[in-house]
Amino acid sequence: GQYRTGPCSGPEILLRTTLFDTMRWRLGRRSRLQMAAMDWSEDPA
């Protein structure tokens, strides 16, 4: 499914990932470079 978070208004940034990878990056098992290289709709900065 989809998980919407952050402020209610403004353009959204989309990230396509998996639940497994979500657990890993949320708990620090990915580097910043690995995170930046994921499937983003636009610049994730």
PDB file of all heavy atoms in Angstrom:
ATOM      1  N   GLY A   1       0.802  -1.206   0.000  1.00  0.00           N
ATOM      2  CA  GLY A   1       0.000   0.000   0.000  1.00  0.00           C
ATOM      3  C   GLY A   1       0.840   1.264   0.000  1.00  0.00           C
ATOM      4  O   GLY A   1       2.031   1.246  -0.319  1.00  0.00           O
ATOM      5  N   GLN A   2       0.187   2.380   0.363  1.00  0.00           N
ATOM      6  CA  GLN A   2       0.838   3.682   0.369  1.00  0.00           C
ATOM      7  C   GLN A   2       0.750   4.300   1.763  1.00  0.00           C
ATOM      8  O   GLN A   2      -0.270   4.172   2.446  1.00  0.00           O
ATOM      9  CB  GLN A   2       0.168   4.611  -0.651  1.00  0.00           C
ATOM     10  CG  GLN A   2       0.205   4.083  -2.079  1.00  0.00           C
ATOM     11  CD  GLN A   2      -0.347   5.071  -3.083  1.00  0.00           C
ATOM     12  OE1 GLN A   2      -0.464   6.265  -2.805  1.00  0.00           O
ATOM     13  NE2 GLN A   2      -0.683   4.579  -4.270  1.00  0.00           N
ATOM     14  N   TYR A   3       1.822   4.964   2.136  1.00  0.00           N
ATOM     15  CA  TYR A   3       1.911   5.565   3.461  1.00  0.00           C
ATOM     16  C   TYR A   3       2.212   7.050   3.275  1.00  0.00           C
ATOM     17  O   TYR A   3       3.288   7.418   2.813  1.00  0.00           O
ATOM     18  CB  TYR A   3       3.000   4.888   4.289  1.00  0.00           C
ATOM     19  CG  TYR A   3       2.742   3.407   4.516  1.00  0.00           C
ATOM     20  CD1 TYR A   3       3.074   2.467   3.537  1.00  0.00           C
ATOM     21  CD2 TYR A   3       2.154   2.956   5.692  1.00  0.00           C
ATOM     22  CE1 TYR A   3       2.820   1.115   3.736  1.00  0.00           C
ATOM     23  CE2 TYR A   3       1.913   1.608   5.901  1.00  0.00           C
ATOM     24  CZ  TYR A   3       2.242   0.698   4.917  1.00  0.00           C
ATOM     25  OH  TYR A   3       1.992  -0.643   5.112  1.00  0.00           O
ATOM     26  N   ARG A   4       1.252   7.892   3.639  1.00  0.00           N
ATOM     27  CA  ARG A   4       1.378   9.341   3.468  1.00  0.00           C
ATOM     28  C   ARG A   4       1.757   9.964   4.806  1.00  0.00           C
ATOM     29  O   ARG A   4       1.130   9.696   5.835  1.00  0.00           O
ATOM     30  CB  ARG A   4       0.054   9.901   2.948  1.00  0.00           C
ATOM     31  CG  ARG A   4      -0.067  11.422   2.923  1.00  0.00           C
ATOM     32  CD  ARG A   4       0.905  12.056   1.950  1.00  0.00           C
ATOM     33  NE  ARG A   4       0.541  13.437   1.634  1.00  0.00           N
ATOM     34  CZ  ARG A   4       0.688  14.478   2.468  1.00  0.00           C
ATOM     35  NH1 ARG A   4       1.185  14.300   3.674  1.00  0.00           N
ATOM     36  NH2 ARG A   4       0.343  15.695   2.082  1.00  0.00           N
ATOM     37  N   THR A   5       2.774  10.794   4.819  1.00  0.00           N
ATOM     38  CA  THR A   5       3.225  11.410   6.058  1.00  0.00           C
ATOM     39  C   THR A   5       3.751  12.809   5.781  1.00  0.00           C
ATOM     40  O   THR A   5       3.943  13.197   4.628  1.00  0.00           O
ATOM     41  CB  THR A   5       4.319  10.538   6.728  1.00  0.00           C
ATOM     42  OG1 THR A   5       4.639  11.060   8.016  1.00  0.00           O
ATOM     43  CG2 THR A   5       5.573  10.487   5.878  1.00  0.00           C
ATOM     44  N   GLY A   6       3.986  13.572   6.821  1.00  0.00           N
ATOM     45  CA  GLY A   6       4.468  14.939   6.661  1.00  0.00           C
ATOM     46  C   GLY A   6       3.323  15.946   6.649  1.00  0.00           C
ATOM     47  O   GLY A   6       2.176  15.610   6.940  1.00  0.00           O
ATOM     48  N   PRO A   7       3.607  17.213   6.308  1.00  0.00           N
ATOM     49  CA  PRO A   7       2.577  18.260   6.285  1.00  0.00           C
ATOM     50  C   PRO A   7       1.423  17.909   5.348  1.00  0.00           C
ATOM     51  O   PRO A   7       1.592  17.142   4.385  1.00  0.00           O
ATOM     52  CB  PRO A   7       3.342  19.489   5.790  1.00  0.00           C
ATOM     53  CG  PRO A   7       4.768  19.214   6.126  1.00  0.00           C
ATOM     54  CD  PRO A   7       4.944  17.733   5.984  1.00  0.00           C
ATOM     55  N   CYS A   8       0.267  18.477   5.627  1.00  0.00           N
ATOM     56  CA  CYS A   8      -0.929  18.171   4.824  1.00  0.00           C
ATOM     57  C   CYS A   8      -0.892  18.818   3.440  1.00  0.00           C
ATOM     58  O   CYS A   8      -1.483  18.287   2.493  1.00  0.00           O
ATOM     59  CB  CYS A   8      -2.185  18.632   5.559  1.00  0.00           C
ATOM     60  SG  CYS A   8      -2.497  17.748   7.101  1.00  0.00           S
ATOM     61  N   SER A   9      -0.215  19.945   3.314  1.00  0.00           N
ATOM     62  CA  SER A   9      -0.219  20.664   2.044  1.00  0.00           C
ATOM     63  C   SER A   9       1.179  20.729   1.456  1.00  0.00           C
ATOM     64  O   SER A   9       2.178  20.558   2.152  1.00  0.00           O
ATOM     65  CB  SER A   9      -0.772  22.076   2.243  1.00  0.00           C
ATOM     66  OG  SER A   9       0.052  22.797   3.144  1.00  0.00           O
ATOM     67  N   GLY A  10       1.208  20.966   0.145  1.00  0.00           N
ATOM     68  CA  GLY A  10       2.477  21.062  -0.555  1.00  0.00           C
ATOM     69  C   GLY A  10       2.688  19.883  -1.483  1.00  0.00           C
ATOM     70  O   GLY A  10       2.054  18.840  -1.344  1.00  0.00           O
ATOM     71  N   PRO A  11       3.594  20.038  -2.462  1.00  0.00           N
ATOM     72  CA  PRO A  11       3.868  18.930  -3.398  1.00  0.00           C
ATOM     73  C   PRO A  11       4.534  17.767  -2.681  1.00  0.00           C
ATOM     74  O   PRO A  11       5.384  17.944  -1.811  1.00  0.00           O
ATOM     75  CB  PRO A  11       4.816  19.574  -4.418  1.00  0.00           C
ATOM     76  CG  PRO A  11       5.423  20.732  -3.704  1.00  0.00           C
ATOM     77  CD  PRO A  11       4.389  21.236  -2.749  1.00  0.00           C
ATOM     78  N   GLU A  12       4.107  16.563  -3.069  1.00  0.00           N
ATOM     79  CA  GLU A  12       4.626  15.347  -2.444  1.00  0.00           C
ATOM     80  C   GLU A  12       5.898  14.863  -3.131  1.00  0.00           C
ATOM     81  O   GLU A  12       6.065  15.009  -4.353  1.00  0.00           O
ATOM     82  CB  GLU A  12       3.597  14.219  -2.519  1.00  0.00           C
ATOM     83  CG  GLU A  12       2.387  14.413  -1.666  1.00  0.00           C
ATOM     84  CD  GLU A  12       1.455  13.215  -1.767  1.00  0.00           C
ATOM     85  OE1 GLU A  12       1.599  12.391  -2.698  1.00  0.00           O
ATOM     86  OE2 GLU A  12       0.563  13.113  -0.909  1.00  0.00           O
ATOM     87  N   ILE A  13       6.749  14.267  -2.350  1.00  0.00           N
ATOM     88  CA  ILE A  13       7.855  13.459  -2.866  1.00  0.00           C
ATOM     89  C   ILE A  13       7.447  11.998  -2.712  1.00  0.00           C
ATOM     90  O   ILE A  13       6.936  11.599  -1.658  1.00  0.00           O
ATOM     91  CB  ILE A  13       9.163  13.738  -2.101  1.00  0.00           C
ATOM     92  CG1 ILE A  13       9.596  15.189  -2.309  1.00  0.00           C
ATOM     93  CG2 ILE A  13      10.261  12.786  -2.544  1.00  0.00           C
ATOM     94  CD1 ILE A  13      10.843  15.570  -1.526  1.00  0.00           C
ATOM     95  N   LEU A  14       7.638  11.218  -3.748  1.00  0.00           N
ATOM     96  CA  LEU A  14       7.272   9.805  -3.716  1.00  0.00           C
ATOM     97  C   LEU A  14       8.526   8.933  -3.609  1.00  0.00           C
ATOM     98  O   LEU A  14       9.546   9.209  -4.250  1.00  0.00           O
ATOM     99  CB  LEU A  14       6.512   9.405  -4.984  1.00  0.00           C
ATOM    100  CG  LEU A  14       5.222  10.164  -5.314  1.00  0.00           C
ATOM    101  CD1 LEU A  14       4.606   9.600  -6.595  1.00  0.00           C
ATOM    102  CD2 LEU A  14       4.239  10.074  -4.170  1.00  0.00           C
ATOM    103  N   LEU A  15       8.427   7.888  -2.804  1.00  0.00           N
ATOM    104  CA  LEU A  15       9.478   6.877  -2.709  1.00  0.00           C
ATOM    105  C   LEU A  15       8.848   5.510  -2.902  1.00  0.00           C
ATOM    106  O   LEU A  15       7.917   5.135  -2.178  1.00  0.00           O
ATOM    107  CB  LEU A  15      10.169   6.934  -1.346  1.00  0.00           C
ATOM    108  CG  LEU A  15      11.116   5.768  -1.027  1.00  0.00           C
ATOM    109  CD1 LEU A  15      12.272   5.706  -2.026  1.00  0.00           C
ATOM    110  CD2 LEU A  15      11.630   5.859   0.403  1.00  0.00           C
ATOM    111  N   ARG A  16       9.337   4.776  -3.879  1.00  0.00           N
ATOM    112  CA  ARG A  16       8.893   3.396  -4.094  1.00  0.00           C
ATOM    113  C   ARG A  16       9.943   2.457  -3.512  1.00  0.00           C
ATOM    114  O   ARG A  16      11.113   2.513  -3.900  1.00  0.00           O
ATOM    115  CB  ARG A  16       8.677   3.129  -5.589  1.00  0.00           C
ATOM    116  CG  ARG A  16       7.490   3.887  -6.166  1.00  0.00           C
ATOM    117  CD  ARG A  16       7.342   3.692  -7.667  1.00  0.00           C
ATOM    118  NE  ARG A  16       6.117   4.301  -8.166  1.00  0.00           N
ATOM    119  CZ  ARG A  16       5.985   5.595  -8.462  1.00  0.00           C
ATOM    120  NH1 ARG A  16       7.032   6.408  -8.308  1.00  0.00           N
ATOM    121  NH2 ARG A  16       4.836   6.067  -8.902  1.00  0.00           N
ATOM    122  N   THR A  17       9.503   1.611  -2.597  1.00  0.00           N
ATOM    123  CA  THR A  17      10.441   0.737  -1.901  1.00  0.00           C
ATOM    124  C   THR A  17       9.706  -0.523  -1.463  1.00  0.00           C
ATOM    125  O   THR A  17       8.609  -0.811  -1.954  1.00  0.00           O
ATOM    126  CB  THR A  17      11.060   1.494  -0.698  1.00  0.00           C
ATOM    127  OG1 THR A  17      12.046   0.680  -0.077  1.00  0.00           O
ATOM    128  CG2 THR A  17      10.019   1.906   0.318  1.00  0.00           C
ATOM    129  N   THR A  18      10.290  -1.300  -0.577  1.00  0.00           N
ATOM    130  CA  THR A  18       9.655  -2.496  -0.032  1.00  0.00           C
ATOM    131  C   THR A  18       9.602  -2.370   1.491  1.00  0.00           C
ATOM    132  O   THR A  18      10.318  -1.564   2.084  1.00  0.00           O
ATOM    133  CB  THR A  18      10.440  -3.766  -0.395  1.00  0.00           C
ATOM    134  OG1 THR A  18      11.720  -3.719   0.256  1.00  0.00           O
ATOM    135  CG2 THR A  18      10.634  -3.888  -1.908  1.00  0.00           C
ATOM    136  N   LEU A  19       8.781  -3.177   2.109  1.00  0.00           N
ATOM    137  CA  LEU A  19       8.709  -3.167   3.567  1.00  0.00           C
ATOM    138  C   LEU A  19      10.032  -3.619   4.178  1.00  0.00           C
ATOM    139  O   LEU A  19      10.478  -3.069   5.189  1.00  0.00           O
ATOM    140  CB  LEU A  19       7.560  -4.052   4.046  1.00  0.00           C
ATOM    141  CG  LEU A  19       6.157  -3.503   3.754  1.00  0.00           C
ATOM    142  CD1 LEU A  19       5.101  -4.541   4.110  1.00  0.00           C
ATOM    143  CD2 LEU A  19       5.894  -2.202   4.515  1.00  0.00           C
ATOM    144  N   PHE A  20      10.673  -4.605   3.553  1.00  0.00           N
ATOM    145  CA  PHE A  20      11.969  -5.050   4.071  1.00  0.00           C
ATOM    146  C   PHE A  20      12.981  -3.912   4.017  1.00  0.00           C
ATOM    147  O   PHE A  20      13.656  -3.611   5.020  1.00  0.00           O
ATOM    148  CB  PHE A  20      12.487  -6.244   3.268  1.00  0.00           C
ATOM    149  CG  PHE A  20      13.911  -6.606   3.622  1.00  0.00           C
ATOM    150  CD1 PHE A  20      14.207  -7.259   4.805  1.00  0.00           C
ATOM    151  CD2 PHE A  20      14.954  -6.263   2.775  1.00  0.00           C
ATOM    152  CE1 PHE A  20      15.526  -7.564   5.153  1.00  0.00           C
ATOM    153  CE2 PHE A  20      16.271  -6.572   3.104  1.00  0.00           C
ATOM    154  CZ  PHE A  20      16.553  -7.227   4.293  1.00  0.00           C
ATOM    155  N   ASP A  21      13.104  -3.263   2.867  1.00  0.00           N
ATOM    156  CA  ASP A  21      14.070  -2.174   2.755  1.00  0.00           C
ATOM    157  C   ASP A  21      13.699  -1.011   3.672  1.00  0.00           C
ATOM    158  O   ASP A  21      14.583  -0.338   4.217  1.00  0.00           O
ATOM    159  CB  ASP A  21      14.178  -1.701   1.309  1.00  0.00           C
ATOM    160  CG  ASP A  21      15.093  -2.576   0.477  1.00  0.00           C
ATOM    161  OD1 ASP A  21      16.090  -3.064   1.023  1.00  0.00           O
ATOM    162  OD2 ASP A  21      14.809  -2.775  -0.706  1.00  0.00           O
ATOM    163  N   THR A  22      12.403  -0.781   3.857  1.00  0.00           N
ATOM    164  CA  THR A  22      11.981   0.275   4.777  1.00  0.00           C
ATOM    165  C   THR A  22      12.510   0.012   6.177  1.00  0.00           C
ATOM    166  O   THR A  22      13.050   0.921   6.837  1.00  0.00           O
ATOM    167  CB  THR A  22      10.452   0.379   4.805  1.00  0.00           C
ATOM    168  OG1 THR A  22       9.983   0.800   3.524  1.00  0.00           O
ATOM    169  CG2 THR A  22       9.989   1.380   5.851  1.00  0.00           C
ATOM    170  N   MET A  23      12.359  -1.210   6.649  1.00  0.00           N
ATOM    171  CA  MET A  23      12.892  -1.547   7.972  1.00  0.00           C
ATOM    172  C   MET A  23      14.386  -1.295   8.032  1.00  0.00           C
ATOM    173  O   MET A  23      14.895  -0.744   9.020  1.00  0.00           O
ATOM    174  CB  MET A  23      12.607  -3.011   8.314  1.00  0.00           C
ATOM    175  CG  MET A  23      13.141  -3.428   9.681  1.00  0.00           C
ATOM    176  SD  MET A  23      12.914  -5.187  10.061  1.00  0.00           S
ATOM    177  CE  MET A  23      14.175  -5.926   8.993  1.00  0.00           C
ATOM    178  N   ARG A  24      15.080  -1.619   6.967  1.00  0.00           N
ATOM    179  CA  ARG A  24      16.537  -1.503   6.985  1.00  0.00           C
ATOM    180  C   ARG A  24      16.971  -0.037   6.971  1.00  0.00           C
ATOM    181  O   ARG A  24      17.830   0.362   7.754  1.00  0.00           O
ATOM    182  CB  ARG A  24      17.134  -2.276   5.796  1.00  0.00           C
ATOM    183  CG  ARG A  24      16.784  -3.762   5.764  1.00  0.00           C
ATOM    184  CD  ARG A  24      17.177  -4.479   7.043  1.00  0.00           C
ATOM    185  NE  ARG A  24      18.597  -4.837   7.048  1.00  0.00           N
ATOM    186  CZ  ARG A  24      19.262  -5.172   8.148  1.00  0.00           C
ATOM    187  NH1 ARG A  24      18.683  -5.138   9.330  1.00  0.00           N
ATOM    188  NH2 ARG A  24      20.531  -5.503   8.076  1.00  0.00           N
ATOM    189  N   TRP A  25      16.392   0.788   6.086  1.00  0.00           N
ATOM    190  CA  TRP A  25      16.864   2.181   6.052  1.00  0.00           C
ATOM    191  C   TRP A  25      16.377   2.989   7.242  1.00  0.00           C
ATOM    192  O   TRP A  25      17.087   3.859   7.738  1.00  0.00           O
ATOM    193  CB  TRP A  25      16.553   2.887   4.733  1.00  0.00           C
ATOM    194  CG  TRP A  25      15.174   2.936   4.182  1.00  0.00           C
ATOM    195  CD1 TRP A  25      14.664   2.165   3.173  1.00  0.00           C
ATOM    196  CD2 TRP A  25      14.112   3.845   4.521  1.00  0.00           C
ATOM    197  NE1 TRP A  25      13.367   2.515   2.893  1.00  0.00           N
ATOM    198  CE2 TRP A  25      13.002   3.549   3.700  1.00  0.00           C
ATOM    199  CE3 TRP A  25      13.994   4.878   5.454  1.00  0.00           C
ATOM    200  CZ2 TRP A  25      11.795   4.237   3.768  1.00  0.00           C
ATOM    201  CZ3 TRP A  25      12.786   5.573   5.536  1.00  0.00           C
ATOM    202  CH2 TRP A  25      11.713   5.245   4.699  1.00  0.00           C
ATOM    203  N   ARG A  26      15.196   2.672   7.747  1.00  0.00           N
ATOM    204  CA  ARG A  26      14.720   3.406   8.927  1.00  0.00           C
ATOM    205  C   ARG A  26      15.612   3.142  10.140  1.00  0.00           C
ATOM    206  O   ARG A  26      15.764   4.008  11.009  1.00  0.00           O
ATOM    207  CB  ARG A  26      13.279   3.008   9.251  1.00  0.00           C
ATOM    208  CG  ARG A  26      12.230   3.719   8.434  1.00  0.00           C
ATOM    209  CD  ARG A  26      12.094   5.183   8.815  1.00  0.00           C
ATOM    210  NE  ARG A  26      11.280   5.396  10.009  1.00  0.00           N
ATOM    211  CZ  ARG A  26      11.424   6.388  10.855  1.00  0.00           C
ATOM    212  NH1 ARG A  26      12.378   7.276  10.675  1.00  0.00           N
ATOM    213  NH2 ARG A  26      10.634   6.533  11.900  1.00  0.00           N
ATOM    214  N   LEU A  27      16.191   1.953  10.224  1.00  0.00           N
ATOM    215  CA  LEU A  27      17.009   1.582  11.374  1.00  0.00           C
ATOM    216  C   LEU A  27      18.505   1.686  11.089  1.00  0.00           C
ATOM    217  O   LEU A  27      19.323   1.057  11.759  1.00  0.00           O
ATOM    218  CB  LEU A  27      16.630   0.172  11.840  1.00  0.00           C
ATOM    219  CG  LEU A  27      15.204   0.076  12.406  1.00  0.00           C
ATOM    220  CD1 LEU A  27      14.867  -1.357  12.778  1.00  0.00           C
ATOM    221  CD2 LEU A  27      15.022   0.989  13.617  1.00  0.00           C
ATOM    222  N   GLY A  28      18.852   2.487  10.084  1.00  0.00           N
ATOM    223  CA  GLY A  28      20.257   2.816   9.867  1.00  0.00           C
ATOM    224  C   GLY A  28      21.071   1.759   9.176  1.00  0.00           C
ATOM    225  O   GLY A  28      22.303   1.768   9.275  1.00  0.00           O
ATOM    226  N   ARG A  29      20.415   0.879   8.423  1.00  0.00           N
ATOM    227  CA  ARG A  29      21.146  -0.174   7.705  1.00  0.00           C
ATOM    228  C   ARG A  29      21.372   0.177   6.240  1.00  0.00           C
ATOM    229  O   ARG A  29      21.641  -0.674   5.417  1.00  0.00           O
ATOM    230  CB  ARG A  29      20.398  -1.498   7.807  1.00  0.00           C
ATOM    231  CG  ARG A  29      20.774  -2.349   9.014  1.00  0.00           C
ATOM    232  CD  ARG A  29      20.537  -1.678  10.335  1.00  0.00           C
ATOM    233  NE  ARG A  29      20.902  -2.533  11.465  1.00  0.00           N
ATOM    234  CZ  ARG A  29      20.725  -2.200  12.727  1.00  0.00           C
ATOM    235  NH1 ARG A  29      20.191  -1.031  13.027  1.00  0.00           N
ATOM    236  NH2 ARG A  29      21.091  -3.021  13.690  1.00  0.00           N
ATOM    237  N   ARG A  30      21.309   1.451   5.929  1.00  0.00           N
ATOM    238  CA  ARG A  30      21.652   1.939   4.597  1.00  0.00           C
ATOM    239  C   ARG A  30      22.432   3.248   4.771  1.00  0.00           C
ATOM    240  O   ARG A  30      22.158   4.031   5.680  1.00  0.00           O
ATOM    241  CB  ARG A  30      20.400   2.204   3.751  1.00  0.00           C
ATOM    242  CG  ARG A  30      19.550   0.973   3.448  1.00  0.00           C
ATOM    243  CD  ARG A  30      20.240   0.033   2.491  1.00  0.00           C
ATOM    244  NE  ARG A  30      19.386  -1.111   2.163  1.00  0.00           N
ATOM    245  CZ  ARG A  30      19.410  -2.275   2.782  1.00  0.00           C
ATOM    246  NH1 ARG A  30      20.232  -2.455   3.819  1.00  0.00           N
ATOM    247  NH2 ARG A  30      18.632  -3.271   2.402  1.00  0.00           N
ATOM    248  N   SER A  31      23.389   3.466   3.883  1.00  0.00           N
ATOM    249  CA  SER A  31      24.138   4.723   3.904  1.00  0.00           C
ATOM    250  C   SER A  31      23.303   5.831   3.259  1.00  0.00           C
ATOM    251  O   SER A  31      22.303   5.576   2.574  1.00  0.00           O
ATOM    252  CB  SER A  31      25.456   4.564   3.148  1.00  0.00           C
ATOM    253  OG  SER A  31      25.207   4.444   1.742  1.00  0.00           O
ATOM    254  N   ARG A  32      23.740   7.056   3.474  1.00  0.00           N
ATOM    255  CA  ARG A  32      23.041   8.182   2.854  1.00  0.00           C
ATOM    256  C   ARG A  32      23.093   8.086   1.331  1.00  0.00           C
ATOM    257  O   ARG A  32      22.119   8.414   0.650  1.00  0.00           O
ATOM    258  CB  ARG A  32      23.650   9.497   3.338  1.00  0.00           C
ATOM    259  CG  ARG A  32      22.772  10.731   3.110  1.00  0.00           C
ATOM    260  CD  ARG A  32      23.408  11.977   3.713  1.00  0.00           C
ATOM    261  NE  ARG A  32      22.494  13.114   3.700  1.00  0.00           N
ATOM    262  CZ  ARG A  32      22.262  13.876   2.656  1.00  0.00           C
ATOM    263  NH1 ARG A  32      22.893  13.626   1.516  1.00  0.00           N
ATOM    264  NH2 ARG A  32      21.432  14.902   2.723  1.00  0.00           N
ATOM    265  N   LEU A  33      24.222   7.638   0.787  1.00  0.00           N
ATOM    266  CA  LEU A  33      24.327   7.467  -0.661  1.00  0.00           C
ATOM    267  C   LEU A  33      23.356   6.404  -1.164  1.00  0.00           C
ATOM    268  O   LEU A  33      22.736   6.565  -2.228  1.00  0.00           O
ATOM    269  CB  LEU A  33      25.761   7.095  -1.045  1.00  0.00           C
ATOM    270  CG  LEU A  33      26.793   8.225  -0.986  1.00  0.00           C
ATOM    271  CD1 LEU A  33      28.189   7.674  -1.286  1.00  0.00           C
ATOM    272  CD2 LEU A  33      26.436   9.333  -1.973  1.00  0.00           C
ATOM    273  N   GLN A  34      23.216   5.317  -0.423  1.00  0.00           N
ATOM    274  CA  GLN A  34      22.259   4.284  -0.812  1.00  0.00           C
ATOM    275  C   GLN A  34      20.835   4.824  -0.780  1.00  0.00           C
ATOM    276  O   GLN A  34      20.026   4.524  -1.663  1.00  0.00           O
ATOM    277  CB  GLN A  34      22.372   3.073   0.119  1.00  0.00           C
ATOM    278  CG  GLN A  34      23.598   2.208  -0.143  1.00  0.00           C
ATOM    279  CD  GLN A  34      23.693   1.054   0.833  1.00  0.00           C
ATOM    280  OE1 GLN A  34      23.773   1.258   2.045  1.00  0.00           O
ATOM    281  NE2 GLN A  34      23.676  -0.162   0.310  1.00  0.00           N
ATOM    282  N   MET A  35      20.526   5.616   0.223  1.00  0.00           N
ATOM    283  CA  MET A  35      19.192   6.196   0.304  1.00  0.00           C
ATOM    284  C   MET A  35      18.922   7.141  -0.859  1.00  0.00           C
ATOM    285  O   MET A  35      17.853   7.123  -1.463  1.00  0.00           O
ATOM    286  CB  MET A  35      19.036   6.949   1.626  1.00  0.00           C
ATOM    287  CG  MET A  35      18.843   6.056   2.834  1.00  0.00           C
ATOM    288  SD  MET A  35      17.368   5.014   2.677  1.00  0.00           S
ATOM    289  CE  MET A  35      16.103   6.248   2.452  1.00  0.00           C
ATOM    290  N   ALA A  36      19.898   7.973  -1.197  1.00  0.00           N
ATOM    291  CA  ALA A  36      19.715   8.933  -2.279  1.00  0.00           C
ATOM    292  C   ALA A  36      19.510   8.233  -3.620  1.00  0.00           C
ATOM    293  O   ALA A  36      18.878   8.796  -4.524  1.00  0.00           O
ATOM    294  CB  ALA A  36      20.917   9.871  -2.353  1.00  0.00           C
ATOM    295  N   ALA A  37      20.024   7.005  -3.745  1.00  0.00           N
ATOM    296  CA  ALA A  37      19.949   6.274  -5.010  1.00  0.00           C
ATOM    297  C   ALA A  37      18.663   5.455  -5.151  1.00  0.00           C
ATOM    298  O   ALA A  37      18.471   4.794  -6.175  1.00  0.00           O
ATOM    299  CB  ALA A  37      21.162   5.353  -5.145  1.00  0.00           C
ATOM    300  N   MET A  38      17.774   5.506  -4.178  1.00  0.00           N
ATOM    301  CA  MET A  38      16.547   4.713  -4.270  1.00  0.00           C
ATOM    302  C   MET A  38      15.575   5.327  -5.280  1.00  0.00           C
ATOM    303  O   MET A  38      15.872   6.333  -5.913  1.00  0.00           O
ATOM    304  CB  MET A  38      15.924   4.549  -2.883  1.00  0.00           C
ATOM    305  CG  MET A  38      16.785   3.711  -1.948  1.00  0.00           C
ATOM    306  SD  MET A  38      15.850   2.911  -0.612  1.00  0.00           S
ATOM    307  CE  MET A  38      14.989   4.286   0.091  1.00  0.00           C
ATOM    308  N   ASP A  39      14.413   4.707  -5.409  1.00  0.00           N
ATOM    309  CA  ASP A  39      13.454   5.059  -6.456  1.00  0.00           C
ATOM    310  C   ASP A  39      12.599   6.242  -6.019  1.00  0.00           C
ATOM    311  O   ASP A  39      11.467   6.092  -5.559  1.00  0.00           O
ATOM    312  CB  ASP A  39      12.585   3.836  -6.767  1.00  0.00           C
ATOM    313  CG  ASP A  39      11.691   4.056  -7.978  1.00  0.00           C
ATOM    314  OD1 ASP A  39      11.782   5.134  -8.608  1.00  0.00           O
ATOM    315  OD2 ASP A  39      10.895   3.153  -8.293  1.00  0.00           O
ATOM    316  N   TRP A  40      13.156   7.444  -6.181  1.00  0.00           N
ATOM    317  CA  TRP A  40      12.478   8.682  -5.810  1.00  0.00           C
ATOM    318  C   TRP A  40      11.803   9.317  -7.025  1.00  0.00           C
ATOM    319  O   TRP A  40      12.305   9.215  -8.144  1.00  0.00           O
ATOM    320  CB  TRP A  40      13.475   9.670  -5.229  1.00  0.00           C
ATOM    321  CG  TRP A  40      14.143   9.232  -3.962  1.00  0.00           C
ATOM    322  CD1 TRP A  40      15.366   8.638  -3.844  1.00  0.00           C
ATOM    323  CD2 TRP A  40      13.625   9.349  -2.641  1.00  0.00           C
ATOM    324  NE1 TRP A  40      15.647   8.381  -2.527  1.00  0.00           N
ATOM    325  CE2 TRP A  40      14.596   8.812  -1.762  1.00  0.00           C
ATOM    326  CE3 TRP A  40      12.440   9.869  -2.109  1.00  0.00           C
ATOM    327  CZ2 TRP A  40      14.411   8.766  -0.381  1.00  0.00           C
ATOM    328  CZ3 TRP A  40      12.255   9.832  -0.728  1.00  0.00           C
ATOM    329  CH2 TRP A  40      13.231   9.286   0.119  1.00  0.00           C
ATOM    330  N   SER A  41      10.738  10.041  -6.775  1.00  0.00           N
ATOM    331  CA  SER A  41      10.074  10.755  -7.867  1.00  0.00           C
ATOM    332  C   SER A  41      10.844  12.015  -8.248  1.00  0.00           C
ATOM    333  O   SER A  41      10.690  12.523  -9.363  1.00  0.00           O
ATOM    334  CB  SER A  41       8.650  11.138  -7.449  1.00  0.00           C
ATOM    335  OG  SER A  41       8.679  12.037  -6.334  1.00  0.00           O
ATOM    336  N   GLU A  42      11.643  12.525  -7.323  1.00  0.00           N
ATOM    337  CA  GLU A  42      12.438  13.732  -7.563  1.00  0.00           C
ATOM    338  C   GLU A  42      13.559  13.788  -6.531  1.00  0.00           C
ATOM    339  O   GLU A  42      13.718  12.871  -5.723  1.00  0.00           O
ATOM    340  CB  GLU A  42      11.555  14.976  -7.476  1.00  0.00           C
ATOM    341  CG  GLU A  42      10.795  15.108  -6.162  1.00  0.00           C
ATOM    342  CD  GLU A  42       9.766  16.214  -6.229  1.00  0.00           C
ATOM    343  OE1 GLU A  42      10.166  17.378  -6.049  1.00  0.00           O
ATOM    344  OE2 GLU A  42       8.581  15.905  -6.484  1.00  0.00           O
ATOM    345  N   ASP A  43      14.306  14.847  -6.543  1.00  0.00           N
ATOM    346  CA  ASP A  43      15.431  15.008  -5.618  1.00  0.00           C
ATOM    347  C   ASP A  43      14.955  14.832  -4.166  1.00  0.00           C
ATOM    348  O   ASP A  43      14.092  15.585  -3.693  1.00  0.00           O
ATOM    349  CB  ASP A  43      16.035  16.398  -5.803  1.00  0.00           C
ATOM    350  CG  ASP A  43      17.263  16.626  -4.926  1.00  0.00           C
ATOM    351  OD1 ASP A  43      17.671  15.698  -4.191  1.00  0.00           O
ATOM    352  OD2 ASP A  43      17.811  17.752  -4.980  1.00  0.00           O
ATOM    353  N   PRO A  44      15.499  13.833  -3.429  1.00  0.00           N
ATOM    354  CA  PRO A  44      15.028  13.591  -2.066  1.00  0.00           C
ATOM    355  C   PRO A  44      15.701  14.456  -1.006  1.00  0.00           C
ATOM    356  O   PRO A  44      15.476  14.245   0.194  1.00  0.00           O
ATOM    357  CB  PRO A  44      15.394  12.112  -1.851  1.00  0.00           C
ATOM    358  CG  PRO A  44      16.651  11.938  -2.639  1.00  0.00           C
ATOM    359  CD  PRO A  44      16.476  12.816  -3.869  1.00  0.00           C
ATOM    360  N   ALA A  45      16.519  15.427  -1.428  1.00  0.00           N
ATOM    361  CA  ALA A  45      17.277  16.228  -0.456  1.00  0.00           C
ATOM    362  C   ALA A  45      16.417  16.804   0.677  1.00  0.00           C
ATOM    363  O   ALA A  45      16.854  16.815   1.832  1.00  0.00           O
ATOM    364  CB  ALA A  45      18.027  17.350  -1.177  1.00  0.00           C
TER     365      ALA A  45
END
